[in-house]
Protein backbone atom coordinates (compact mmCIF):
# COMPACT_ATOMS: atom_id res chain seq x y z
CA UNK A 1 -19.02 -3.58 54.41
CA UNK A 2 -17.23 -6.93 54.51
CA UNK A 3 -16.57 -6.86 50.77
CA UNK A 4 -15.14 -3.35 50.98
CA UNK A 5 -12.86 -4.34 53.87
CA UNK A 6 -11.60 -7.31 51.86
CA UNK A 7 -10.85 -5.00 48.91
CA UNK A 8 -8.92 -2.59 51.15
CA UNK A 9 -6.85 -5.46 52.55
CA UNK A 10 -6.17 -6.80 49.05
CA UNK A 11 -5.04 -3.35 47.92
CA UNK A 12 -2.75 -3.04 50.93
CA UNK A 13 -1.23 -6.46 50.25
CA UNK A 14 -0.63 -5.65 46.58
CA UNK A 15 0.96 -2.28 47.30
CA UNK A 16 3.38 -3.61 49.93
CA UNK A 17 5.42 -5.22 47.17
CA UNK A 18 5.74 -1.96 45.21
CA UNK A 19 8.15 0.88 45.87
CA UNK A 20 5.97 3.26 47.80
CA UNK A 21 6.88 6.88 48.59
CA UNK A 22 7.15 7.80 52.26
CA UNK A 23 5.91 11.28 53.21
CA UNK A 24 8.69 13.52 54.54
CA UNK A 25 11.59 11.26 53.54
CA UNK A 26 13.97 11.31 50.62
CA UNK A 27 14.17 8.54 48.09
CA UNK A 28 17.16 6.20 48.23
CA UNK A 29 17.09 5.80 44.46
CA UNK A 30 17.34 9.43 43.39
CA UNK A 31 17.94 11.33 46.64
CA UNK A 32 15.05 13.71 45.99
CA UNK A 33 12.91 14.82 48.88
CA UNK A 34 9.74 12.77 49.28
CA UNK A 35 6.26 14.11 49.84
CA UNK A 36 5.60 16.78 52.50
CA UNK A 37 5.25 15.58 56.10
CA UNK A 38 1.60 16.68 56.28
CA UNK A 39 0.71 14.18 53.54
CA UNK A 40 -1.84 11.56 54.59
CA UNK A 41 -2.78 8.20 53.10
CA UNK A 42 -6.45 7.80 52.26
CA UNK A 43 -8.71 5.16 50.78
CA UNK A 44 -11.77 5.63 48.62
CA UNK A 45 -14.21 2.75 48.54
CA UNK A 46 -17.41 2.99 46.58
CA UNK A 47 -19.75 1.61 43.96
CA UNK A 48 -19.53 3.45 40.65
CA UNK A 49 -23.24 2.99 39.95
CA UNK A 50 -23.88 5.58 42.68
CA UNK A 51 -23.76 9.10 41.22
CA UNK A 52 -22.01 10.68 44.25
CA UNK A 53 -19.36 7.94 44.44
CA UNK A 54 -18.66 8.18 40.72
CA UNK A 55 -18.25 11.96 40.95
CA UNK A 56 -15.85 11.64 43.90
CA UNK A 57 -13.82 8.95 42.12
CA UNK A 58 -13.58 11.11 38.98
CA UNK A 59 -12.45 14.04 41.12
CA UNK A 60 -9.71 11.98 42.82
CA UNK A 61 -8.41 10.54 39.56
CA UNK A 62 -8.52 13.88 37.72
CA UNK A 63 -6.68 15.71 40.50
CA UNK A 64 -4.07 12.94 40.59
CA UNK A 65 -3.44 13.23 36.86
CA UNK A 66 -3.20 17.02 37.00
CA UNK A 67 -0.68 16.87 39.88
CA UNK A 68 1.57 14.50 37.87
CA UNK A 69 2.92 12.79 41.00
CA UNK A 70 4.00 15.97 42.78
CA UNK A 71 2.31 17.07 45.99
CA UNK A 72 3.08 20.75 46.44
CA UNK A 73 -0.15 22.61 47.05
CA UNK A 74 -2.98 21.95 49.50
CA UNK A 75 -5.54 19.57 48.00
CA UNK A 76 -3.06 17.75 45.72
CA UNK A 77 -3.63 14.01 45.24
CA UNK A 78 -1.35 11.14 44.18
CA UNK A 79 -3.04 7.78 43.43
CA UNK A 80 -0.90 4.85 44.55
CA UNK A 81 -3.15 1.97 43.49
CA UNK A 82 -6.62 1.21 42.20
CA UNK A 83 -8.53 -2.06 42.09
CA UNK A 84 -12.11 -3.13 41.74
CA UNK A 85 -14.47 -6.04 41.56
CA UNK A 86 -18.12 -6.81 40.96
CA UNK A 87 -20.24 -7.53 44.03
CA UNK A 88 -23.04 -10.10 44.09
CA UNK A 89 -25.58 -7.45 43.02
CA UNK A 90 -23.59 -6.69 39.86
CA UNK A 91 -22.27 -3.31 41.04
CA UNK A 92 -18.61 -2.50 40.41
CA UNK A 93 -16.88 -1.72 43.72
CA UNK A 94 -13.71 0.38 43.44
CA UNK A 95 -10.91 0.76 46.00
CA UNK A 96 -8.38 3.55 45.50
CA UNK A 97 -5.37 4.13 47.74
CA UNK A 98 -4.00 7.64 47.45
CA UNK A 99 -1.85 10.29 49.10
CA UNK A 100 -3.53 13.59 49.93
CA UNK A 101 -2.02 16.89 51.02
CA UNK A 102 -4.59 18.44 53.42
CA UNK A 103 -5.64 22.05 53.15
């Protein structure tokens, strides 16, 4: 779990430098309303050699692409960042930070 925690921290550090949307607030750049207030930030951490983890990762990424950055309906997803690295066993560990609109 130490490796996964390090990946989450690295992802957090990388994303702090980027313009990140704030749920429930409008953007200063374009004045449009941000994401709904019920939006939550989630992390997915998993090894893609595991069948269940790979299926969940594919689901997150596919839903994010189909939403095209707009969270309107329950279950919508917006991926903020993705990173990954190989662990000492040779498995590829993936960390995805995403916004999720709960059902």
